[in-house]
mmCIF file of all heavy atoms, coordinates in Angstrom:
data_MODEL
# 
_entry.id   MODEL 
# 
loop_
_atom_site.group_PDB 
_atom_site.id 
_atom_site.type_symbol 
_atom_site.label_atom_id 
_atom_site.label_alt_id 
_atom_site.label_comp_id 
_atom_site.label_asym_id 
_atom_site.label_entity_id 
_atom_site.label_seq_id 
_atom_site.pdbx_PDB_ins_code 
_atom_site.Cartn_x 
_atom_site.Cartn_y 
_atom_site.Cartn_z 
_atom_site.occupancy 
_atom_site.B_iso_or_equiv 
_atom_site.pdbx_formal_charge 
_atom_site.auth_seq_id 
_atom_site.auth_comp_id 
_atom_site.auth_asym_id 
_atom_site.auth_atom_id 
_atom_site.pdbx_PDB_model_num 
ATOM 1   N N   . ALA A 1 1  ? 61.681 2.312  61.551 1.00 0.00 ? 1  ALA A N   1 
ATOM 2   C CA  . ALA A 1 1  ? 62.689 1.572  60.787 1.00 0.00 ? 1  ALA A CA  1 
ATOM 3   C C   . ALA A 1 1  ? 63.590 2.591  60.080 1.00 0.00 ? 1  ALA A C   1 
ATOM 4   O O   . ALA A 1 1  ? 63.366 3.794  60.150 1.00 0.00 ? 1  ALA A O   1 
ATOM 5   C CB  . ALA A 1 1  ? 62.013 0.660  59.764 1.00 0.00 ? 1  ALA A CB  1 
ATOM 6   N N   . THR A 1 2  ? 64.628 2.105  59.358 1.00 0.00 ? 2  THR A N   1 
ATOM 7   C CA  . THR A 1 2  ? 65.478 3.023  58.602 1.00 0.00 ? 2  THR A CA  1 
ATOM 8   C C   . THR A 1 2  ? 64.698 3.532  57.393 1.00 0.00 ? 2  THR A C   1 
ATOM 9   O O   . THR A 1 2  ? 63.704 2.918  56.968 1.00 0.00 ? 2  THR A O   1 
ATOM 10  C CB  . THR A 1 2  ? 66.763 2.341  58.110 1.00 0.00 ? 2  THR A CB  1 
ATOM 11  O OG1 . THR A 1 2  ? 66.413 1.358  57.119 1.00 0.00 ? 2  THR A OG1 1 
ATOM 12  C CG2 . THR A 1 2  ? 67.511 1.692  59.253 1.00 0.00 ? 2  THR A CG2 1 
ATOM 13  N N   . LEU A 1 3  ? 65.194 4.606  56.824 1.00 0.00 ? 3  LEU A N   1 
ATOM 14  C CA  . LEU A 1 3  ? 64.532 5.220  55.669 1.00 0.00 ? 3  LEU A CA  1 
ATOM 15  C C   . LEU A 1 3  ? 64.477 4.254  54.495 1.00 0.00 ? 3  LEU A C   1 
ATOM 16  O O   . LEU A 1 3  ? 63.427 4.065  53.860 1.00 0.00 ? 3  LEU A O   1 
ATOM 17  C CB  . LEU A 1 3  ? 65.279 6.505  55.275 1.00 0.00 ? 3  LEU A CB  1 
ATOM 18  C CG  . LEU A 1 3  ? 64.526 7.561  54.472 1.00 0.00 ? 3  LEU A CG  1 
ATOM 19  C CD1 . LEU A 1 3  ? 63.206 7.935  55.100 1.00 0.00 ? 3  LEU A CD1 1 
ATOM 20  C CD2 . LEU A 1 3  ? 65.398 8.812  54.324 1.00 0.00 ? 3  LEU A CD2 1 
ATOM 21  N N   . ASP A 1 4  ? 65.592 3.607  54.188 1.00 0.00 ? 4  ASP A N   1 
ATOM 22  C CA  . ASP A 1 4  ? 65.648 2.689  53.052 1.00 0.00 ? 4  ASP A CA  1 
ATOM 23  C C   . ASP A 1 4  ? 64.731 1.480  53.266 1.00 0.00 ? 4  ASP A C   1 
ATOM 24  O O   . ASP A 1 4  ? 64.057 1.030  52.329 1.00 0.00 ? 4  ASP A O   1 
ATOM 25  C CB  . ASP A 1 4  ? 67.082 2.220  52.799 1.00 0.00 ? 4  ASP A CB  1 
ATOM 26  C CG  . ASP A 1 4  ? 67.940 3.311  52.167 1.00 0.00 ? 4  ASP A CG  1 
ATOM 27  O OD1 . ASP A 1 4  ? 67.363 4.182  51.472 1.00 0.00 ? 4  ASP A OD1 1 
ATOM 28  O OD2 . ASP A 1 4  ? 69.173 3.317  52.372 1.00 0.00 ? 4  ASP A OD2 1 
ATOM 29  N N   . GLU A 1 5  ? 64.716 0.946  54.496 1.00 0.00 ? 5  GLU A N   1 
ATOM 30  C CA  . GLU A 1 5  ? 63.841 -0.194 54.793 1.00 0.00 ? 5  GLU A CA  1 
ATOM 31  C C   . GLU A 1 5  ? 62.377 0.189  54.613 1.00 0.00 ? 5  GLU A C   1 
ATOM 32  O O   . GLU A 1 5  ? 61.579 -0.581 54.058 1.00 0.00 ? 5  GLU A O   1 
ATOM 33  C CB  . GLU A 1 5  ? 64.076 -0.686 56.221 1.00 0.00 ? 5  GLU A CB  1 
ATOM 34  C CG  . GLU A 1 5  ? 65.391 -1.432 56.407 1.00 0.00 ? 5  GLU A CG  1 
ATOM 35  C CD  . GLU A 1 5  ? 65.705 -1.708 57.876 1.00 0.00 ? 5  GLU A CD  1 
ATOM 36  O OE1 . GLU A 1 5  ? 65.020 -1.120 58.759 1.00 0.00 ? 5  GLU A OE1 1 
ATOM 37  O OE2 . GLU A 1 5  ? 66.629 -2.497 58.136 1.00 0.00 ? 5  GLU A OE2 1 
ATOM 38  N N   . THR A 1 6  ? 62.026 1.371  55.081 1.00 0.00 ? 6  THR A N   1 
ATOM 39  C CA  . THR A 1 6  ? 60.637 1.846  54.969 1.00 0.00 ? 6  THR A CA  1 
ATOM 40  C C   . THR A 1 6  ? 60.236 1.977  53.502 1.00 0.00 ? 6  THR A C   1 
ATOM 41  O O   . THR A 1 6  ? 59.149 1.535  53.103 1.00 0.00 ? 6  THR A O   1 
ATOM 42  C CB  . THR A 1 6  ? 60.475 3.214  55.668 1.00 0.00 ? 6  THR A CB  1 
ATOM 43  O OG1 . THR A 1 6  ? 60.851 3.077  57.037 1.00 0.00 ? 6  THR A OG1 1 
ATOM 44  C CG2 . THR A 1 6  ? 59.039 3.706  55.565 1.00 0.00 ? 6  THR A CG2 1 
ATOM 45  N N   . ILE A 1 7  ? 61.122 2.582  52.698 1.00 0.00 ? 7  ILE A N   1 
ATOM 46  C CA  . ILE A 1 7  ? 60.808 2.768  51.278 1.00 0.00 ? 7  ILE A CA  1 
ATOM 47  C C   . ILE A 1 7  ? 60.685 1.408  50.573 1.00 0.00 ? 7  ILE A C   1 
ATOM 48  O O   . ILE A 1 7  ? 59.798 1.209  49.738 1.00 0.00 ? 7  ILE A O   1 
ATOM 49  C CB  . ILE A 1 7  ? 61.882 3.652  50.591 1.00 0.00 ? 7  ILE A CB  1 
ATOM 50  C CG1 . ILE A 1 7  ? 61.834 5.074  51.165 1.00 0.00 ? 7  ILE A CG1 1 
ATOM 51  C CG2 . ILE A 1 7  ? 61.674 3.688  49.078 1.00 0.00 ? 7  ILE A CG2 1 
ATOM 52  C CD1 . ILE A 1 7  ? 62.947 5.986  50.694 1.00 0.00 ? 7  ILE A CD1 1 
ATOM 53  N N   . ASP A 1 8  ? 61.563 0.456  50.905 1.00 0.00 ? 8  ASP A N   1 
ATOM 54  C CA  . ASP A 1 8  ? 61.489 -0.876 50.298 1.00 0.00 ? 8  ASP A CA  1 
ATOM 55  C C   . ASP A 1 8  ? 60.153 -1.552 50.608 1.00 0.00 ? 8  ASP A C   1 
ATOM 56  O O   . ASP A 1 8  ? 59.562 -2.203 49.736 1.00 0.00 ? 8  ASP A O   1 
ATOM 57  C CB  . ASP A 1 8  ? 62.638 -1.758 50.803 1.00 0.00 ? 8  ASP A CB  1 
ATOM 58  C CG  . ASP A 1 8  ? 63.989 -1.323 50.223 1.00 0.00 ? 8  ASP A CG  1 
ATOM 59  O OD1 . ASP A 1 8  ? 63.986 -0.623 49.187 1.00 0.00 ? 8  ASP A OD1 1 
ATOM 60  O OD2 . ASP A 1 8  ? 65.020 -1.671 50.834 1.00 0.00 ? 8  ASP A OD2 1 
ATOM 61  N N   . GLU A 1 9  ? 59.670 -1.411 51.830 1.00 0.00 ? 9  GLU A N   1 
ATOM 62  C CA  . GLU A 1 9  ? 58.381 -2.002 52.210 1.00 0.00 ? 9  GLU A CA  1 
ATOM 63  C C   . GLU A 1 9  ? 57.223 -1.301 51.504 1.00 0.00 ? 9  GLU A C   1 
ATOM 64  O O   . GLU A 1 9  ? 56.273 -1.940 51.054 1.00 0.00 ? 9  GLU A O   1 
ATOM 65  C CB  . GLU A 1 9  ? 58.199 -1.937 53.732 1.00 0.00 ? 9  GLU A CB  1 
ATOM 66  C CG  . GLU A 1 9  ? 59.028 -2.931 54.507 1.00 0.00 ? 9  GLU A CG  1 
ATOM 67  C CD  . GLU A 1 9  ? 58.701 -4.368 54.110 1.00 0.00 ? 9  GLU A CD  1 
ATOM 68  O OE1 . GLU A 1 9  ? 57.496 -4.732 54.115 1.00 0.00 ? 9  GLU A OE1 1 
ATOM 69  O OE2 . GLU A 1 9  ? 59.639 -5.114 53.771 1.00 0.00 ? 9  GLU A OE2 1 
ATOM 70  N N   . LEU A 1 10 ? 57.309 0.040  51.401 1.00 0.00 ? 10 LEU A N   1 
ATOM 71  C CA  . LEU A 1 10 ? 56.252 0.798  50.720 1.00 0.00 ? 10 LEU A CA  1 
ATOM 72  C C   . LEU A 1 10 ? 56.184 0.426  49.239 1.00 0.00 ? 10 LEU A C   1 
ATOM 73  O O   . LEU A 1 10 ? 55.104 0.422  48.639 1.00 0.00 ? 10 LEU A O   1 
ATOM 74  C CB  . LEU A 1 10 ? 56.505 2.305  50.864 1.00 0.00 ? 10 LEU A CB  1 
ATOM 75  C CG  . LEU A 1 10 ? 56.250 2.903  52.243 1.00 0.00 ? 10 LEU A CG  1 
ATOM 76  C CD1 . LEU A 1 10 ? 56.787 4.338  52.309 1.00 0.00 ? 10 LEU A CD1 1 
ATOM 77  C CD2 . LEU A 1 10 ? 54.752 2.898  52.573 1.00 0.00 ? 10 LEU A CD2 1 
ATOM 78  N N   . ALA A 1 11 ? 57.350 0.106  48.652 1.00 0.00 ? 11 ALA A N   1 
ATOM 79  C CA  . ALA A 1 11 ? 57.411 -0.239 47.223 1.00 0.00 ? 11 ALA A CA  1 
ATOM 80  C C   . ALA A 1 11 ? 56.633 -1.524 46.914 1.00 0.00 ? 11 ALA A C   1 
ATOM 81  O O   . ALA A 1 11 ? 56.308 -1.786 45.747 1.00 0.00 ? 11 ALA A O   1 
ATOM 82  C CB  . ALA A 1 11 ? 58.864 -0.378 46.780 1.00 0.00 ? 11 ALA A CB  1 
ATOM 83  N N   . LYS A 1 12 ? 56.333 -2.327 47.946 1.00 0.00 ? 12 LYS A N   1 
ATOM 84  C CA  . LYS A 1 12 ? 55.529 -3.534 47.745 1.00 0.00 ? 12 LYS A CA  1 
ATOM 85  C C   . LYS A 1 12 ? 54.040 -3.199 47.610 1.00 0.00 ? 12 LYS A C   1 
ATOM 86  O O   . LYS A 1 12 ? 53.261 -4.017 47.122 1.00 0.00 ? 12 LYS A O   1 
ATOM 87  C CB  . LYS A 1 12 ? 55.732 -4.501 48.913 1.00 0.00 ? 12 LYS A CB  1 
ATOM 88  C CG  . LYS A 1 12 ? 57.166 -5.016 49.028 1.00 0.00 ? 12 LYS A CG  1 
ATOM 89  C CD  . LYS A 1 12 ? 57.343 -5.864 50.291 1.00 0.00 ? 12 LYS A CD  1 
ATOM 90  C CE  . LYS A 1 12 ? 58.807 -6.313 50.443 1.00 0.00 ? 12 LYS A CE  1 
ATOM 91  N NZ  . LYS A 1 12 ? 59.026 -7.073 51.699 1.00 0.00 ? 12 LYS A NZ  1 
ATOM 92  N N   . LEU A 1 13 ? 53.688 -1.958 48.039 1.00 0.00 ? 13 LEU A N   1 
ATOM 93  C CA  . LEU A 1 13 ? 52.281 -1.547 48.004 1.00 0.00 ? 13 LEU A CA  1 
ATOM 94  C C   . LEU A 1 13 ? 51.981 -0.557 46.874 1.00 0.00 ? 13 LEU A C   1 
ATOM 95  O O   . LEU A 1 13 ? 50.911 -0.606 46.269 1.00 0.00 ? 13 LEU A O   1 
ATOM 96  C CB  . LEU A 1 13 ? 51.883 -0.897 49.343 1.00 0.00 ? 13 LEU A CB  1 
ATOM 97  C CG  . LEU A 1 13 ? 52.045 -1.752 50.589 1.00 0.00 ? 13 LEU A CG  1 
ATOM 98  C CD1 . LEU A 1 13 ? 51.760 -0.925 51.838 1.00 0.00 ? 13 LEU A CD1 1 
ATOM 99  C CD2 . LEU A 1 13 ? 51.087 -2.949 50.530 1.00 0.00 ? 13 LEU A CD2 1 
ATOM 100 N N   . VAL A 1 14 ? 52.911 0.350  46.622 1.00 0.00 ? 14 VAL A N   1 
ATOM 101 C CA  . VAL A 1 14 ? 52.715 1.345  45.570 1.00 0.00 ? 14 VAL A CA  1 
ATOM 102 C C   . VAL A 1 14 ? 53.963 1.374  44.677 1.00 0.00 ? 14 VAL A C   1 
ATOM 103 O O   . VAL A 1 14 ? 55.049 0.994  45.114 1.00 0.00 ? 14 VAL A O   1 
ATOM 104 C CB  . VAL A 1 14 ? 52.459 2.757  46.146 1.00 0.00 ? 14 VAL A CB  1 
ATOM 105 C CG1 . VAL A 1 14 ? 51.225 2.773  47.025 1.00 0.00 ? 14 VAL A CG1 1 
ATOM 106 C CG2 . VAL A 1 14 ? 53.658 3.281  46.909 1.00 0.00 ? 14 VAL A CG2 1 
ATOM 107 N N   . THR A 1 15 ? 53.802 1.842  43.457 1.00 0.00 ? 15 THR A N   1 
ATOM 108 C CA  . THR A 1 15 ? 54.931 1.912  42.526 1.00 0.00 ? 15 THR A CA  1 
ATOM 109 C C   . THR A 1 15 ? 55.884 3.038  42.944 1.00 0.00 ? 15 THR A C   1 
ATOM 110 O O   . THR A 1 15 ? 55.474 4.195  43.053 1.00 0.00 ? 15 THR A O   1 
ATOM 111 C CB  . THR A 1 15 ? 54.446 2.177  41.089 1.00 0.00 ? 15 THR A CB  1 
ATOM 112 O OG1 . THR A 1 15 ? 53.534 1.130  40.716 1.00 0.00 ? 15 THR A OG1 1 
ATOM 113 C CG2 . THR A 1 15 ? 55.613 2.223  40.115 1.00 0.00 ? 15 THR A CG2 1 
ATOM 114 N N   . ILE A 1 16 ? 57.144 2.684  43.196 1.00 0.00 ? 16 ILE A N   1 
ATOM 115 C CA  . ILE A 1 16 ? 58.163 3.684  43.532 1.00 0.00 ? 16 ILE A CA  1 
ATOM 116 C C   . ILE A 1 16 ? 59.347 3.447  42.605 1.00 0.00 ? 16 ILE A C   1 
ATOM 117 O O   . ILE A 1 16 ? 60.026 2.421  42.693 1.00 0.00 ? 16 ILE A O   1 
ATOM 118 C CB  . ILE A 1 16 ? 58.600 3.583  45.010 1.00 0.00 ? 16 ILE A CB  1 
ATOM 119 C CG1 . ILE A 1 16 ? 57.396 3.842  45.926 1.00 0.00 ? 16 ILE A CG1 1 
ATOM 120 C CG2 . ILE A 1 16 ? 59.722 4.585  45.306 1.00 0.00 ? 16 ILE A CG2 1 
ATOM 121 C CD1 . ILE A 1 16 ? 57.673 3.582  47.391 1.00 0.00 ? 16 ILE A CD1 1 
ATOM 122 N N   . GLU A 1 17 ? 59.565 4.380  41.697 1.00 0.00 ? 17 GLU A N   1 
ATOM 123 C CA  . GLU A 1 17 ? 60.620 4.234  40.706 1.00 0.00 ? 17 GLU A CA  1 
ATOM 124 C C   . GLU A 1 17 ? 61.943 4.783  41.241 1.00 0.00 ? 17 GLU A C   1 
ATOM 125 O O   . GLU A 1 17 ? 61.979 5.471  42.259 1.00 0.00 ? 17 GLU A O   1 
ATOM 126 C CB  . GLU A 1 17 ? 60.226 4.963  39.415 1.00 0.00 ? 17 GLU A CB  1 
ATOM 127 C CG  . GLU A 1 17 ? 58.993 4.371  38.748 1.00 0.00 ? 17 GLU A CG  1 
ATOM 128 C CD  . GLU A 1 17 ? 58.611 5.117  37.474 1.00 0.00 ? 17 GLU A CD  1 
ATOM 129 O OE1 . GLU A 1 17 ? 59.337 6.075  37.101 1.00 0.00 ? 17 GLU A OE1 1 
ATOM 130 O OE2 . GLU A 1 17 ? 57.594 4.743  36.866 1.00 0.00 ? 17 GLU A OE2 1 
ATOM 131 N N   . VAL A 1 18 ? 63.028 4.478  40.519 1.00 0.00 ? 18 VAL A N   1 
ATOM 132 C CA  . VAL A 1 18 ? 64.361 4.936  40.919 1.00 0.00 ? 18 VAL A CA  1 
ATOM 133 C C   . VAL A 1 18 ? 64.400 6.459  41.008 1.00 0.00 ? 18 VAL A C   1 
ATOM 134 O O   . VAL A 1 18 ? 64.963 7.037  41.940 1.00 0.00 ? 18 VAL A O   1 
ATOM 135 C CB  . VAL A 1 18 ? 65.434 4.430  39.920 1.00 0.00 ? 18 VAL A CB  1 
ATOM 136 C CG1 . VAL A 1 18 ? 66.796 5.037  40.239 1.00 0.00 ? 18 VAL A CG1 1 
ATOM 137 C CG2 . VAL A 1 18 ? 65.506 2.910  39.959 1.00 0.00 ? 18 VAL A CG2 1 
ATOM 138 N N   . LYS A 1 19 ? 63.765 7.139  40.033 1.00 0.00 ? 19 LYS A N   1 
ATOM 139 C CA  . LYS A 1 19 ? 63.778 8.608  40.038 1.00 0.00 ? 19 LYS A CA  1 
ATOM 140 C C   . LYS A 1 19 ? 63.012 9.179  41.240 1.00 0.00 ? 19 LYS A C   1 
ATOM 141 O O   . LYS A 1 19 ? 63.346 10.238 41.754 1.00 0.00 ? 19 LYS A O   1 
ATOM 142 C CB  . LYS A 1 19 ? 63.218 9.163  38.732 1.00 0.00 ? 19 LYS A CB  1 
ATOM 143 C CG  . LYS A 1 19 ? 61.743 8.922  38.496 1.00 0.00 ? 19 LYS A CG  1 
ATOM 144 C CD  . LYS A 1 19 ? 61.311 9.605  37.185 1.00 0.00 ? 19 LYS A CD  1 
ATOM 145 C CE  . LYS A 1 19 ? 59.813 9.434  36.981 1.00 0.00 ? 19 LYS A CE  1 
ATOM 146 N NZ  . LYS A 1 19 ? 59.347 10.109 35.734 1.00 0.00 ? 19 LYS A NZ  1 
ATOM 147 N N   . ASP A 1 20 ? 61.976 8.430  41.719 1.00 0.00 ? 20 ASP A N   1 
ATOM 148 C CA  . ASP A 1 20 ? 61.241 8.867  42.915 1.00 0.00 ? 20 ASP A CA  1 
ATOM 149 C C   . ASP A 1 20 ? 62.163 8.825  44.135 1.00 0.00 ? 20 ASP A C   1 
ATOM 150 O O   . ASP A 1 20 ? 62.168 9.749  44.960 1.00 0.00 ? 20 ASP A O   1 
ATOM 151 C CB  . ASP A 1 20 ? 60.025 7.973  43.177 1.00 0.00 ? 20 ASP A CB  1 
ATOM 152 C CG  . ASP A 1 20 ? 58.982 8.063  42.071 1.00 0.00 ? 20 ASP A CG  1 
ATOM 153 O OD1 . ASP A 1 20 ? 58.768 9.182  41.573 1.00 0.00 ? 20 ASP A OD1 1 
ATOM 154 O OD2 . ASP A 1 20 ? 58.396 7.026  41.726 1.00 0.00 ? 20 ASP A OD2 1 
ATOM 155 N N   . ARG A 1 21 ? 62.961 7.756  44.240 1.00 0.00 ? 21 ARG A N   1 
ATOM 156 C CA  . ARG A 1 21 ? 63.886 7.613  45.365 1.00 0.00 ? 21 ARG A CA  1 
ATOM 157 C C   . ARG A 1 21 ? 64.953 8.706  45.335 1.00 0.00 ? 21 ARG A C   1 
ATOM 158 O O   . ARG A 1 21 ? 65.268 9.300  46.369 1.00 0.00 ? 21 ARG A O   1 
ATOM 159 C CB  . ARG A 1 21 ? 64.566 6.239  45.326 1.00 0.00 ? 21 ARG A CB  1 
ATOM 160 C CG  . ARG A 1 21 ? 63.626 5.061  45.597 1.00 0.00 ? 21 ARG A CG  1 
ATOM 161 C CD  . ARG A 1 21 ? 64.365 3.746  45.409 1.00 0.00 ? 21 ARG A CD  1 
ATOM 162 N NE  . ARG A 1 21 ? 63.502 2.592  45.564 1.00 0.00 ? 21 ARG A NE  1 
ATOM 163 C CZ  . ARG A 1 21 ? 63.481 1.785  46.644 1.00 0.00 ? 21 ARG A CZ  1 
ATOM 164 N NH1 . ARG A 1 21 ? 64.282 2.041  47.658 1.00 0.00 ? 21 ARG A NH1 1 
ATOM 165 N NH2 . ARG A 1 21 ? 62.678 0.750  46.689 1.00 0.00 ? 21 ARG A NH2 1 
ATOM 166 N N   . LYS A 1 22 ? 65.498 8.981  44.137 1.00 0.00 ? 22 LYS A N   1 
ATOM 167 C CA  . LYS A 1 22 ? 66.553 9.996  44.019 1.00 0.00 ? 22 LYS A CA  1 
ATOM 168 C C   . LYS A 1 22 ? 66.016 11.385 44.368 1.00 0.00 ? 22 LYS A C   1 
ATOM 169 O O   . LYS A 1 22 ? 66.663 12.157 45.079 1.00 0.00 ? 22 LYS A O   1 
ATOM 170 C CB  . LYS A 1 22 ? 67.125 9.988  42.596 1.00 0.00 ? 22 LYS A CB  1 
ATOM 171 C CG  . LYS A 1 22 ? 67.986 8.770  42.292 1.00 0.00 ? 22 LYS A CG  1 
ATOM 172 C CD  . LYS A 1 22 ? 68.542 8.839  40.876 1.00 0.00 ? 22 LYS A CD  1 
ATOM 173 C CE  . LYS A 1 22 ? 69.467 7.668  40.577 1.00 0.00 ? 22 LYS A CE  1 
ATOM 174 N NZ  . LYS A 1 22 ? 69.975 7.697  39.179 1.00 0.00 ? 22 LYS A NZ  1 
ATOM 175 N N   . ARG A 1 23 ? 64.834 11.677 43.857 1.00 0.00 ? 23 ARG A N   1 
ATOM 176 C CA  . ARG A 1 23 ? 64.243 12.987 44.141 1.00 0.00 ? 23 ARG A CA  1 
ATOM 177 C C   . ARG A 1 23 ? 63.936 13.125 45.633 1.00 0.00 ? 23 ARG A C   1 
ATOM 178 O O   . ARG A 1 23 ? 64.183 14.160 46.237 1.00 0.00 ? 23 ARG A O   1 
ATOM 179 C CB  . ARG A 1 23 ? 62.970 13.181 43.318 1.00 0.00 ? 23 ARG A CB  1 
ATOM 180 C CG  . ARG A 1 23 ? 62.355 14.576 43.469 1.00 0.00 ? 23 ARG A CG  1 
ATOM 181 C CD  . ARG A 1 23 ? 61.072 14.725 42.695 1.00 0.00 ? 23 ARG A CD  1 
ATOM 182 N NE  . ARG A 1 23 ? 60.053 13.823 43.195 1.00 0.00 ? 23 ARG A NE  1 
ATOM 183 C CZ  . ARG A 1 23 ? 59.402 12.933 42.456 1.00 0.00 ? 23 ARG A CZ  1 
ATOM 184 N NH1 . ARG A 1 23 ? 59.688 12.804 41.182 1.00 0.00 ? 23 ARG A NH1 1 
ATOM 185 N NH2 . ARG A 1 23 ? 58.481 12.147 42.989 1.00 0.00 ? 23 ARG A NH2 1 
ATOM 186 N N   . PHE A 1 24 ? 63.414 12.043 46.229 1.00 0.00 ? 24 PHE A N   1 
ATOM 187 C CA  . PHE A 1 24 ? 63.065 12.058 47.645 1.00 0.00 ? 24 PHE A CA  1 
ATOM 188 C C   . PHE A 1 24 ? 64.304 12.318 48.506 1.00 0.00 ? 24 PHE A C   1 
ATOM 189 O O   . PHE A 1 24 ? 64.277 13.149 49.416 1.00 0.00 ? 24 PHE A O   1 
ATOM 190 C CB  . PHE A 1 24 ? 62.420 10.726 48.031 1.00 0.00 ? 24 PHE A CB  1 
ATOM 191 C CG  . PHE A 1 24 ? 62.134 10.587 49.504 1.00 0.00 ? 24 PHE A CG  1 
ATOM 192 C CD1 . PHE A 1 24 ? 61.062 11.250 50.082 1.00 0.00 ? 24 PHE A CD1 1 
ATOM 193 C CD2 . PHE A 1 24 ? 62.958 9.819  50.318 1.00 0.00 ? 24 PHE A CD2 1 
ATOM 194 C CE1 . PHE A 1 24 ? 60.796 11.132 51.442 1.00 0.00 ? 24 PHE A CE1 1 
ATOM 195 C CE2 . PHE A 1 24 ? 62.706 9.702  51.670 1.00 0.00 ? 24 PHE A CE2 1 
ATOM 196 C CZ  . PHE A 1 24 ? 61.626 10.361 52.238 1.00 0.00 ? 24 PHE A CZ  1 
ATOM 197 N N   . LYS A 1 25 ? 65.404 11.630 48.212 1.00 0.00 ? 25 LYS A N   1 
ATOM 198 C CA  . LYS A 1 25 ? 66.620 11.807 49.010 1.00 0.00 ? 25 LYS A CA  1 
ATOM 199 C C   . LYS A 1 25 ? 67.166 13.227 48.882 1.00 0.00 ? 25 LYS A C   1 
ATOM 200 O O   . LYS A 1 25 ? 67.681 13.792 49.852 1.00 0.00 ? 25 LYS A O   1 
ATOM 201 C CB  . LYS A 1 25 ? 67.666 10.781 48.593 1.00 0.00 ? 25 LYS A CB  1 
ATOM 202 C CG  . LYS A 1 25 ? 67.289 9.369  49.073 1.00 0.00 ? 25 LYS A CG  1 
ATOM 203 C CD  . LYS A 1 25 ? 68.340 8.329  48.754 1.00 0.00 ? 25 LYS A CD  1 
ATOM 204 C CE  . LYS A 1 25 ? 67.910 6.976  49.329 1.00 0.00 ? 25 LYS A CE  1 
ATOM 205 N NZ  . LYS A 1 25 ? 68.872 5.895  49.025 1.00 0.00 ? 25 LYS A NZ  1 
# 
């Protein structure tokens, strides 16, 4: 899947904050 779609799905299982997404990108 796309990167954003994958992260959105993972966020349903584990806590992913805005700063985690920014740092990851």
